[in-house]
Amino acid sequence: MASGRKTSFKLPPTVITDTSTSQRTRRERALEEQKRRRAERFDLTRQLDGFADLNIAESDEEDNESQKDPNSPHGTKVVHGGLASFTSLLGQQTSTTDASASVPPGSPESPQQQQPKKKKGKKRRVRDRKDQDKPNEWADKCMYAELLEMNEDDPFAMSADGSGSDGLPDDLETAWIAVAPVPVGKRCLAITRDSSGYNGVEPNTTLRSRLLGKPLLPWFPSTLPPNTVLDCILDENWRDTGVLHILDVLKWKGQDIADCETPFRFWWRDTRIRELSPISPPSQAGPSTQESYRFPYPTTLLPIPYHTDTSLQNLLSQIIPVARAARPLLLQIPFSLPGSSDTMQIETSPSSSHLPTGTRIPNLTLLPMAFEMLSDGLLLYVSEATYESGTSPLSSWIPLKNYDAAQAYNQHGIAEAMAPDEDTPMNKFERLVRLRMERELSSTSRETQDPSSSSTYTNMDTEMSN
């Protein structure tokens, strides 16, 4: 039986227990908390507390008077003597370090003598096996979206906090960004390290699981820069396509991007990935056919499309249809021709290949193949929100199907839909959006008719007053 976390890689790791507050209230609190933390970080970098007790140096006459009176109650003064006054402190630290280093290794006070010896044997091996199951520094670093709370019982009623009971955000058209189609696959983190070789040749990238942070694949070469962390979705058929979908960016070349707002992160993601040079698929030893070739690691980095126009009309005409349909892609797949030499010239047009014309791959040539990336749903992000680890109401998830938490995976590792098609979250979301649009159109039509009648009543009141 599958747990609630395994039913879909977009579902949050924990269940929302605070049901007394609406999702809108939790969202507002989370956004205010992010703003508060950001202000505290800015104040910390400016080091305002360190300058709180500093005073501007007095004039020469005041300095002479304070020197005569040693008990003069003056605050800390700005030092004008350079770094010479701090050499005494540096000497004390150096002497302390030298004293600790001057202890002979064989003496009883030696640090090497004080360290306990590591125990070896069966207990050590048992402890190592237990440590493998513990989460590491990359565990639960992904930002999990809450399921969008929707209600079709009485969409015209108002809840206690003043929001509509349909569950859709009031500022859906102005303060949100949609990500669709979200592909079916395995949620993970792509992490790069410093390498001595060239990008695309030296193994510098690995994929970490979202739960325990364990490596999903061995280190493999990519053109991503070092010290980069990406929120990714490993395509369900990556062995056949070599595709790694890029959802979000946390760090790029050592620079923290997670503290930036959502539109900037997605723009940065698309711009930087577009600048990367393509990487050729690895060669395969022995005879190979188009059906038998299996990618040992992902070679194509594919950003997931996002939409800044979340108006009701665009949601109904563009975003929701895109989230329902599969994403068509034309990929270059390695293929071995009969009787080919060890190294052959690839003659493909630049428009149809992700590799430059004239690329040489031993025993392989690249042929275009059409694929369809199945969609799993729609993601909504608050525009002003930053990326944060764990479950967050600042991101809402609208799956294409209903998933049963008590049902195990099928042969492809995807949970099956249990509810009828008309009860799926995507259909419910579309109906609520359509209903809200009809309500706005009706209110707009009433406003266009009311001014004439209201002006008539106003003229009558004016005549009576005269």
Protein backbone atom coordinates (compact mmCIF):
# COMPACT_ATOMS: atom_id res chain seq x y z
CA MET A 1 0.00 0.00 0.00
CA ALA A 2 1.28 3.44 -0.86
CA SER A 3 1.45 6.23 1.66
CA GLY A 4 -0.10 9.64 1.14
CA ARG A 5 3.28 11.08 0.19
CA LYS A 6 3.87 8.58 -2.60
CA THR A 7 0.59 9.13 -4.40
CA SER A 8 1.94 12.10 -6.33
CA PHE A 9 5.29 13.89 -6.28
CA LYS A 10 3.54 17.27 -6.04
CA LEU A 11 1.53 16.47 -2.92
CA PRO A 12 2.83 17.93 0.37
CA PRO A 13 4.76 15.66 2.73
CA THR A 14 2.44 16.37 5.67
CA VAL A 15 -1.28 16.79 6.09
CA ILE A 16 -2.59 20.24 6.92
CA THR A 17 -3.89 19.89 10.47
CA ASP A 18 -4.88 23.52 11.02
CA THR A 19 -8.34 23.30 9.50
CA SER A 20 -9.72 26.16 11.60
CA THR A 21 -8.20 28.75 9.27
CA SER A 22 -8.86 29.01 5.57
CA GLN A 23 -6.20 28.59 2.93
CA ARG A 24 -6.41 32.29 2.19
CA THR A 25 -5.56 33.16 5.81
CA ARG A 26 -2.61 30.75 5.84
CA ARG A 27 -1.41 32.22 2.57
CA GLU A 28 -1.49 35.79 3.93
CA ARG A 29 0.36 34.73 7.08
CA ALA A 30 3.02 32.91 5.10
CA LEU A 31 3.56 35.91 2.83
CA GLU A 32 3.90 38.28 5.79
CA GLU A 33 6.32 35.86 7.45
CA GLN A 34 8.47 35.82 4.31
CA LYS A 35 8.55 39.61 4.24
CA ARG A 36 9.57 39.73 7.90
CA ARG A 37 12.39 37.22 7.41
CA ARG A 38 13.64 39.10 4.37
CA ALA A 39 13.74 42.39 6.30
CA GLU A 40 15.67 40.71 9.12
CA ARG A 41 18.22 39.31 6.67
CA PHE A 42 18.73 42.72 5.12
CA ASP A 43 19.25 44.32 8.52
CA LEU A 44 21.69 41.58 9.44
CA THR A 45 23.77 42.12 6.31
CA ARG A 46 23.85 45.88 6.97
CA GLN A 47 25.10 45.17 10.53
CA LEU A 48 23.09 47.94 12.11
CA ASP A 49 23.48 46.53 15.61
CA GLY A 50 27.24 46.85 15.42
CA PHE A 51 26.99 50.60 14.80
CA ALA A 52 24.41 51.30 17.49
CA ASP A 53 26.96 52.25 20.21
CA LEU A 54 29.38 54.14 17.97
CA ASN A 55 29.68 57.95 18.22
CA ILE A 56 31.28 60.39 15.84
CA ALA A 57 34.68 61.51 17.09
CA GLU A 58 34.64 64.83 18.98
CA SER A 59 36.77 67.82 18.20
CA ASP A 60 40.38 68.12 19.34
CA GLU A 61 39.48 70.26 22.33
CA GLU A 62 36.92 67.73 23.54
CA ASP A 63 39.44 64.96 22.99
CA ASN A 64 42.00 66.77 25.17
CA GLU A 65 39.43 67.33 27.93
CA SER A 66 38.40 63.69 27.91
CA GLN A 67 42.02 62.64 28.12
CA LYS A 68 42.48 64.80 31.22
CA ASP A 69 39.41 63.27 32.87
CA PRO A 70 39.72 59.48 32.64
CA ASN A 71 36.24 59.02 34.13
CA SER A 72 34.57 61.01 31.36
CA PRO A 73 31.32 59.19 30.39
CA HIS A 74 31.81 59.04 26.62
CA GLY A 75 30.70 56.27 24.35
CA THR A 76 32.91 54.26 22.06
CA LYS A 77 34.85 56.48 19.68
CA VAL A 78 35.85 55.88 16.11
CA VAL A 79 39.43 54.66 15.94
CA HIS A 80 41.70 56.78 13.75
CA GLY A 81 44.90 54.90 14.45
CA GLY A 82 44.48 52.28 11.72
CA LEU A 83 45.04 48.60 12.43
CA ALA A 84 47.97 49.12 14.79
CA SER A 85 45.72 49.10 17.86
CA PHE A 86 44.45 45.62 17.02
CA THR A 87 47.87 43.98 16.73
CA SER A 88 47.89 43.19 20.43
CA LEU A 89 44.72 41.18 20.11
CA LEU A 90 46.12 39.38 17.10
CA GLY A 91 49.25 38.57 19.08
CA GLN A 92 47.22 37.06 21.89
CA GLN A 93 45.33 34.79 19.49
CA THR A 94 48.59 33.79 17.78
CA SER A 95 50.26 33.00 21.08
CA THR A 96 47.31 30.85 22.11
CA THR A 97 47.46 28.94 18.84
CA ASP A 98 51.22 28.49 19.12
CA ALA A 99 50.86 27.26 22.69
CA SER A 100 48.41 24.59 21.65
CA ALA A 101 50.60 23.61 18.71
CA SER A 102 53.76 23.44 20.84
CA VAL A 103 52.48 20.52 22.91
CA PRO A 104 54.47 17.40 21.98
CA PRO A 105 52.41 14.63 20.36
CA GLY A 106 53.40 12.11 23.01
CA SER A 107 52.52 14.27 26.00
CA PRO A 108 49.36 13.58 28.05
CA GLU A 109 47.89 16.97 27.05
CA SER A 110 48.29 16.33 23.33
CA PRO A 111 45.01 16.77 21.35
CA GLN A 112 45.76 13.58 19.49
CA GLN A 113 46.04 11.75 22.79
CA GLN A 114 42.71 13.13 24.04
CA GLN A 115 40.67 12.04 21.01
CA PRO A 116 38.87 8.74 21.63
CA LYS A 117 39.74 5.89 19.38
CA LYS A 118 37.17 4.89 16.80
CA LYS A 119 35.67 1.53 17.41
CA LYS A 120 35.74 -0.95 14.59
CA GLY A 121 33.77 -4.08 14.09
CA LYS A 122 30.17 -5.22 13.82
CA LYS A 123 28.66 -2.35 15.83
CA ARG A 124 30.29 0.18 13.51
CA ARG A 125 28.81 -1.52 10.44
CA VAL A 126 25.32 -1.62 12.00
CA ARG A 127 25.53 2.06 12.80
CA ASP A 128 26.61 2.85 9.23
CA ARG A 129 23.59 1.00 7.86
CA LYS A 130 21.30 3.02 10.11
CA ASP A 131 22.94 6.27 9.03
CA GLN A 132 22.18 5.47 5.41
CA ASP A 133 18.45 5.67 6.14
CA LYS A 134 18.72 9.07 7.82
CA PRO A 135 18.00 12.21 5.78
CA ASN A 136 20.97 14.36 4.81
CA GLU A 137 21.35 18.06 4.11
CA TRP A 138 19.32 17.82 0.87
CA ALA A 139 16.28 16.18 2.46
CA ASP A 140 12.95 18.05 2.16
CA LYS A 141 14.47 21.05 0.41
CA CYS A 142 11.73 21.13 -2.21
CA MET A 143 8.81 23.54 -1.98
CA TYR A 144 5.63 21.47 -1.71
CA ALA A 145 2.37 22.96 -2.94
CA GLU A 146 -0.89 22.65 -1.05
CA LEU A 147 -3.87 21.21 -2.84
CA LEU A 148 -6.09 24.10 -3.83
CA GLU A 149 -9.17 24.12 -1.60
CA MET A 150 -12.23 24.35 -3.84
CA ASN A 151 -15.91 24.24 -2.98
CA GLU A 152 -18.82 24.06 -5.39
CA ASP A 153 -21.61 23.83 -2.80
CA ASP A 154 -22.39 27.54 -2.61
CA PRO A 155 -19.83 29.58 -4.56
CA PHE A 156 -21.81 32.80 -4.09
CA ALA A 157 -21.72 32.62 -0.30
CA MET A 158 -19.06 34.37 1.76
CA SER A 159 -16.93 32.78 4.44
CA ALA A 160 -16.16 34.22 7.87
CA ASP A 161 -12.94 35.94 6.74
CA GLY A 162 -14.69 37.67 3.86
CA SER A 163 -13.42 35.47 1.04
CA GLY A 164 -15.55 33.58 -1.40
CA SER A 165 -16.32 30.03 -0.40
CA ASP A 166 -15.35 28.69 -3.83
CA GLY A 167 -11.73 28.61 -2.62
CA LEU A 168 -10.21 30.42 -5.60
CA PRO A 169 -7.88 33.30 -4.66
CA ASP A 170 -9.45 36.74 -4.93
CA ASP A 171 -6.33 38.08 -6.70
CA LEU A 172 -6.00 35.12 -9.05
CA GLU A 173 -5.89 37.36 -12.12
CA THR A 174 -3.28 39.83 -10.86
CA ALA A 175 -0.97 38.21 -8.29
CA TRP A 176 -0.41 34.64 -9.47
CA ILE A 177 1.68 32.73 -12.01
CA ALA A 178 0.62 29.44 -13.58
CA VAL A 179 2.98 26.57 -14.49
CA ALA A 180 1.58 24.14 -17.02
CA PRO A 181 1.74 21.46 -18.18
CA VAL A 182 3.49 19.91 -15.20
CA PRO A 183 4.94 16.64 -16.56
CA VAL A 184 4.56 13.23 -15.01
CA GLY A 185 7.77 12.10 -13.36
CA LYS A 186 9.84 11.98 -10.19
CA ARG A 187 10.47 15.14 -8.19
CA CYS A 188 14.16 15.62 -7.35
CA LEU A 189 17.00 18.11 -6.93
CA ALA A 190 19.80 18.56 -9.46
CA ILE A 191 23.04 19.51 -7.69
CA THR A 192 26.40 20.36 -9.26
CA ARG A 193 29.87 20.46 -7.76
CA ASP A 194 33.23 21.96 -8.68
CA SER A 195 35.07 19.87 -11.23
CA SER A 196 38.58 20.09 -12.60
CA GLY A 197 37.54 19.25 -16.15
CA TYR A 198 35.31 20.91 -18.74
CA ASN A 199 31.53 21.05 -18.34
CA GLY A 200 29.85 18.30 -20.30
CA VAL A 201 32.89 16.00 -19.99
CA GLU A 202 33.72 15.71 -16.30
CA PRO A 203 30.96 14.22 -14.07
CA ASN A 204 29.73 17.21 -12.07
CA THR A 205 25.97 16.67 -11.59
CA THR A 206 23.84 14.35 -9.52
CA LEU A 207 20.13 13.99 -8.70
CA ARG A 208 18.91 13.82 -5.10
CA SER A 209 15.61 12.42 -3.88
CA ARG A 210 13.15 14.85 -2.34
CA LEU A 211 12.47 12.82 0.82
CA LEU A 212 15.84 11.70 2.20
CA GLY A 213 18.13 13.52 -0.18
CA LYS A 214 19.73 10.30 -1.39
CA PRO A 215 21.43 10.20 -4.80
CA LEU A 216 19.16 8.82 -7.51
CA LEU A 217 21.90 8.59 -10.16
CA PRO A 218 25.69 8.50 -10.07
CA TRP A 219 27.56 11.68 -10.93
CA PHE A 220 27.18 12.44 -14.63
CA PRO A 221 28.45 15.21 -16.92
CA SER A 222 26.33 18.25 -17.76
CA THR A 223 26.86 21.83 -18.87
CA LEU A 224 25.38 23.28 -15.67
CA PRO A 225 27.76 25.61 -13.81
CA PRO A 226 29.22 24.53 -10.45
CA ASN A 227 27.42 25.20 -7.16
CA THR A 228 23.97 25.10 -8.79
CA VAL A 229 20.80 23.65 -7.27
CA LEU A 230 17.67 23.15 -9.39
CA ASP A 231 14.21 21.86 -8.53
CA CYS A 232 13.54 19.26 -11.21
CA ILE A 233 11.19 16.55 -12.39
CA LEU A 234 12.86 13.49 -13.86
CA ASP A 235 10.71 12.42 -16.81
CA GLU A 236 9.00 9.08 -16.39
CA ASN A 237 10.53 7.88 -19.70
CA TRP A 238 13.93 9.54 -19.27
CA ARG A 239 15.69 6.32 -20.26
CA ASP A 240 14.17 6.72 -23.73
CA THR A 241 14.14 10.53 -24.00
CA GLY A 242 17.01 11.72 -21.81
CA VAL A 243 14.86 14.62 -20.55
CA LEU A 244 15.14 16.33 -17.18
CA HIS A 245 12.38 18.91 -16.61
CA ILE A 246 13.45 22.06 -14.74
CA LEU A 247 10.74 23.39 -12.44
CA ASP A 248 12.53 26.03 -10.36
CA VAL A 249 15.96 27.32 -9.43
CA LEU A 250 17.34 27.59 -5.89
CA LYS A 251 20.97 28.48 -6.57
CA TRP A 252 22.94 29.31 -9.67
CA LYS A 253 26.74 29.37 -9.69
CA GLY A 254 26.78 29.89 -5.94
CA GLN A 255 24.31 32.79 -6.06
CA ASP A 256 21.13 32.33 -3.99
CA ILE A 257 18.10 32.71 -6.26
CA ALA A 258 15.55 31.22 -3.85
CA ASP A 259 15.09 34.59 -2.10
CA CYS A 260 13.92 36.19 -5.35
CA GLU A 261 10.27 36.51 -6.37
CA THR A 262 8.62 33.95 -8.61
CA PRO A 263 8.65 35.83 -11.96
CA PHE A 264 12.36 36.57 -11.65
CA ARG A 265 13.22 32.98 -10.76
CA PHE A 266 11.40 31.61 -13.79
CA TRP A 267 12.91 34.25 -16.07
CA TRP A 268 16.38 33.48 -14.72
CA ARG A 269 15.77 29.76 -15.18
CA ASP A 270 14.79 30.05 -18.84
CA THR A 271 17.49 32.58 -19.69
CA ARG A 272 20.38 30.70 -18.13
CA ILE A 273 19.37 27.27 -19.44
CA ARG A 274 18.98 28.72 -22.94
CA GLU A 275 22.58 29.95 -22.74
CA LEU A 276 23.97 26.48 -21.98
CA SER A 277 25.68 24.63 -24.78
CA PRO A 278 24.10 21.31 -25.79
CA ILE A 279 25.62 18.05 -24.64
CA SER A 280 25.91 15.00 -26.86
CA PRO A 281 24.49 11.67 -25.67
CA PRO A 282 27.10 9.14 -24.58
CA SER A 283 28.23 6.52 -27.03
CA GLN A 284 27.08 2.96 -26.59
CA ALA A 285 29.39 -0.01 -26.94
CA GLY A 286 28.41 -2.74 -29.37
CA PRO A 287 25.59 -2.77 -31.90
CA SER A 288 22.68 -0.48 -31.08
CA THR A 289 19.23 0.09 -32.46
CA GLN A 290 16.85 2.97 -31.98
CA GLU A 291 14.61 0.91 -29.70
CA SER A 292 17.41 -0.54 -27.58
CA TYR A 293 19.31 2.65 -26.84
CA ARG A 294 18.94 3.65 -23.19
CA PHE A 295 20.17 6.95 -21.80
CA PRO A 296 22.46 6.35 -18.80
CA TYR A 297 21.75 9.89 -17.55
CA PRO A 298 19.69 12.91 -18.66
CA THR A 299 21.19 15.01 -21.44
CA THR A 300 18.35 17.43 -22.25
CA LEU A 301 17.40 20.14 -19.73
CA LEU A 302 13.86 21.26 -20.48
CA PRO A 303 12.23 24.15 -18.55
CA ILE A 304 8.54 23.74 -17.74
CA PRO A 305 6.47 26.53 -19.37
CA TYR A 306 5.00 29.24 -17.14
CA HIS A 307 2.26 31.81 -17.79
CA THR A 308 2.14 35.30 -16.32
CA ASP A 309 -1.30 36.11 -17.73
CA THR A 310 -3.69 34.40 -15.32
CA SER A 311 -6.83 36.25 -16.27
CA LEU A 312 -10.02 34.22 -16.22
CA GLN A 313 -10.33 34.35 -19.97
CA ASN A 314 -6.73 33.19 -20.50
CA LEU A 315 -7.16 30.43 -17.93
CA LEU A 316 -10.14 29.04 -19.81
CA SER A 317 -8.78 29.49 -23.32
CA GLN A 318 -5.05 28.77 -22.89
CA ILE A 319 -3.75 27.54 -19.55
CA ILE A 320 -6.31 24.88 -18.62
CA PRO A 321 -6.34 23.30 -22.12
CA VAL A 322 -2.53 23.20 -22.08
CA ALA A 323 -2.56 21.59 -18.63
CA ARG A 324 -4.91 18.87 -19.89
CA ALA A 325 -3.01 17.97 -23.05
CA ALA A 326 0.34 16.25 -23.50
CA ARG A 327 3.28 18.43 -24.47
CA PRO A 328 4.62 17.53 -27.94
CA LEU A 329 8.40 17.50 -28.30
CA LEU A 330 10.82 16.71 -31.08
CA LEU A 331 13.98 15.19 -29.62
CA GLN A 332 17.18 13.91 -31.18
CA ILE A 333 17.65 10.26 -30.23
CA PRO A 334 20.90 8.32 -30.86
CA PHE A 335 20.53 5.67 -33.54
CA SER A 336 23.05 3.29 -35.03
CA LEU A 337 22.87 2.77 -38.78
CA PRO A 338 23.76 -0.66 -40.22
CA GLY A 339 27.35 -0.85 -41.39
CA SER A 340 28.34 2.45 -39.83
CA SER A 341 31.95 3.10 -38.97
CA ASP A 342 33.31 3.72 -35.52
CA THR A 343 32.98 7.48 -35.92
CA MET A 344 30.48 8.97 -38.34
CA GLN A 345 29.53 12.47 -39.37
CA ILE A 346 26.08 13.69 -38.29
CA GLU A 347 24.42 15.73 -41.01
CA THR A 348 21.38 17.35 -39.42
CA SER A 349 19.99 20.82 -39.71
CA PRO A 350 20.46 23.10 -36.70
CA SER A 351 16.71 23.71 -36.50
CA SER A 352 15.87 20.04 -36.04
CA SER A 353 18.76 19.04 -33.78
CA HIS A 354 19.82 20.19 -30.36
CA LEU A 355 23.43 19.55 -31.40
CA PRO A 356 25.42 21.64 -33.88
CA THR A 357 25.80 20.40 -37.43
CA GLY A 358 28.83 18.18 -37.81
CA THR A 359 28.86 16.66 -34.32
CA ARG A 360 30.69 13.34 -34.16
CA ILE A 361 29.46 10.57 -31.87
CA PRO A 362 31.14 7.15 -32.04
CA ASN A 363 28.88 4.47 -33.56
CA LEU A 364 25.82 6.75 -33.32
CA THR A 365 23.85 9.26 -35.30
CA LEU A 366 21.01 11.47 -34.12
CA LEU A 367 17.58 11.20 -35.68
CA PRO A 368 14.55 13.34 -34.76
CA MET A 369 11.77 11.56 -32.94
CA ALA A 370 8.42 12.91 -31.75
CA PHE A 371 7.45 12.41 -28.13
CA GLU A 372 4.52 13.43 -25.96
CA MET A 373 5.19 14.42 -22.36
CA LEU A 374 2.11 13.48 -20.37
CA SER A 375 0.70 16.19 -18.13
CA ASP A 376 -0.02 15.71 -14.45
CA GLY A 377 -1.73 18.99 -13.65
CA LEU A 378 -1.34 22.69 -13.01
CA LEU A 379 0.72 24.62 -10.44
CA LEU A 380 -0.07 28.13 -9.19
CA TYR A 381 2.53 30.35 -7.50
CA VAL A 382 2.08 33.66 -5.68
CA SER A 383 4.09 36.23 -7.63
CA GLU A 384 5.53 37.97 -4.56
CA ALA A 385 6.51 34.71 -2.85
CA THR A 386 10.05 33.39 -2.56
CA TYR A 387 11.11 29.77 -2.68
CA GLU A 388 10.89 28.08 0.72
CA SER A 389 11.41 24.48 1.78
CA GLY A 390 8.50 22.38 2.98
CA THR A 391 4.76 22.69 2.55
CA SER A 392 3.68 26.21 1.66
CA PRO A 393 0.25 27.73 0.92
CA LEU A 394 2.03 30.17 -1.42
CA SER A 395 1.90 27.45 -4.07
CA SER A 396 -1.27 25.59 -5.02
CA TRP A 397 -1.51 22.29 -6.86
CA ILE A 398 -4.40 21.30 -9.15
CA PRO A 399 -3.91 17.70 -10.31
CA LEU A 400 -5.35 16.40 -13.52
CA LYS A 401 -6.69 13.29 -11.80
CA ASN A 402 -7.81 12.23 -8.37
CA TYR A 403 -5.29 10.06 -6.57
CA ASP A 404 -6.16 7.53 -3.93
CA ALA A 405 -3.62 7.48 -1.10
CA ALA A 406 -4.41 3.85 -0.31
CA GLN A 407 -3.66 2.58 -3.81
CA ALA A 408 -0.28 1.24 -4.83
CA TYR A 409 1.70 2.24 -7.88
CA ASN A 410 1.02 0.70 -11.24
CA GLN A 411 3.74 -0.76 -13.42
CA HIS A 412 4.86 2.72 -14.52
CA GLY A 413 5.08 4.06 -10.98
CA ILE A 414 2.05 6.35 -11.34
CA ALA A 415 -1.03 6.21 -9.12
CA GLU A 416 -4.27 5.47 -10.91
CA ALA A 417 -7.31 7.75 -10.88
CA MET A 418 -10.14 6.53 -8.66
CA ALA A 419 -12.85 9.22 -8.92
CA PRO A 420 -15.05 9.83 -11.97
CA ASP A 421 -13.80 12.29 -14.55
CA GLU A 422 -16.34 14.96 -13.62
CA ASP A 423 -15.06 15.01 -10.02
CA THR A 424 -11.40 15.61 -10.85
CA PRO A 425 -9.78 18.74 -9.37
CA MET A 426 -9.00 20.13 -12.82
CA ASN A 427 -12.64 19.90 -13.92
CA LYS A 428 -13.78 21.47 -10.66
CA PHE A 429 -11.27 24.29 -11.08
CA GLU A 430 -12.46 24.94 -14.62
CA ARG A 431 -16.10 25.08 -13.53
CA LEU A 432 -15.33 27.53 -10.73
CA VAL A 433 -13.30 29.76 -13.03
CA ARG A 434 -16.11 29.73 -15.59
CA LEU A 435 -18.67 30.48 -12.90
CA ARG A 436 -16.62 33.40 -11.57
CA MET A 437 -16.22 34.76 -15.08
CA GLU A 438 -19.97 34.57 -15.67
CA ARG A 439 -20.57 36.32 -12.37
CA GLU A 440 -18.19 39.15 -13.30
CA LEU A 441 -19.82 39.53 -16.70
CA SER A 442 -23.26 39.70 -15.15
CA SER A 443 -22.13 42.28 -12.59
CA THR A 444 -20.52 44.32 -15.36
CA SER A 445 -23.72 44.24 -17.41
CA ARG A 446 -25.72 45.40 -14.40
CA GLU A 447 -23.31 48.27 -13.82
CA THR A 448 -23.75 49.42 -17.41
CA GLN A 449 -27.52 49.51 -16.94
CA ASP A 450 -27.65 50.97 -13.43
CA PRO A 451 -26.01 54.35 -14.19
CA SER A 452 -28.96 55.45 -16.35
CA SER A 453 -31.50 54.66 -13.65
CA SER A 454 -29.31 56.10 -10.90
CA SER A 455 -28.82 59.32 -12.88
CA THR A 456 -32.60 59.58 -13.33
CA TYR A 457 -33.13 59.32 -9.59
CA THR A 458 -30.40 61.87 -9.01
CA ASN A 459 -32.03 64.37 -11.38
CA MET A 460 -35.40 63.87 -9.67
CA ASP A 461 -33.86 64.52 -6.26
CA THR A 462 -32.21 67.67 -7.58
CA GLU A 463 -35.47 69.02 -9.00
CA MET A 464 -37.32 68.33 -5.75
CA SER A 465 -34.65 70.11 -3.73
CA ASN A 466 -34.88 73.14 -6.00
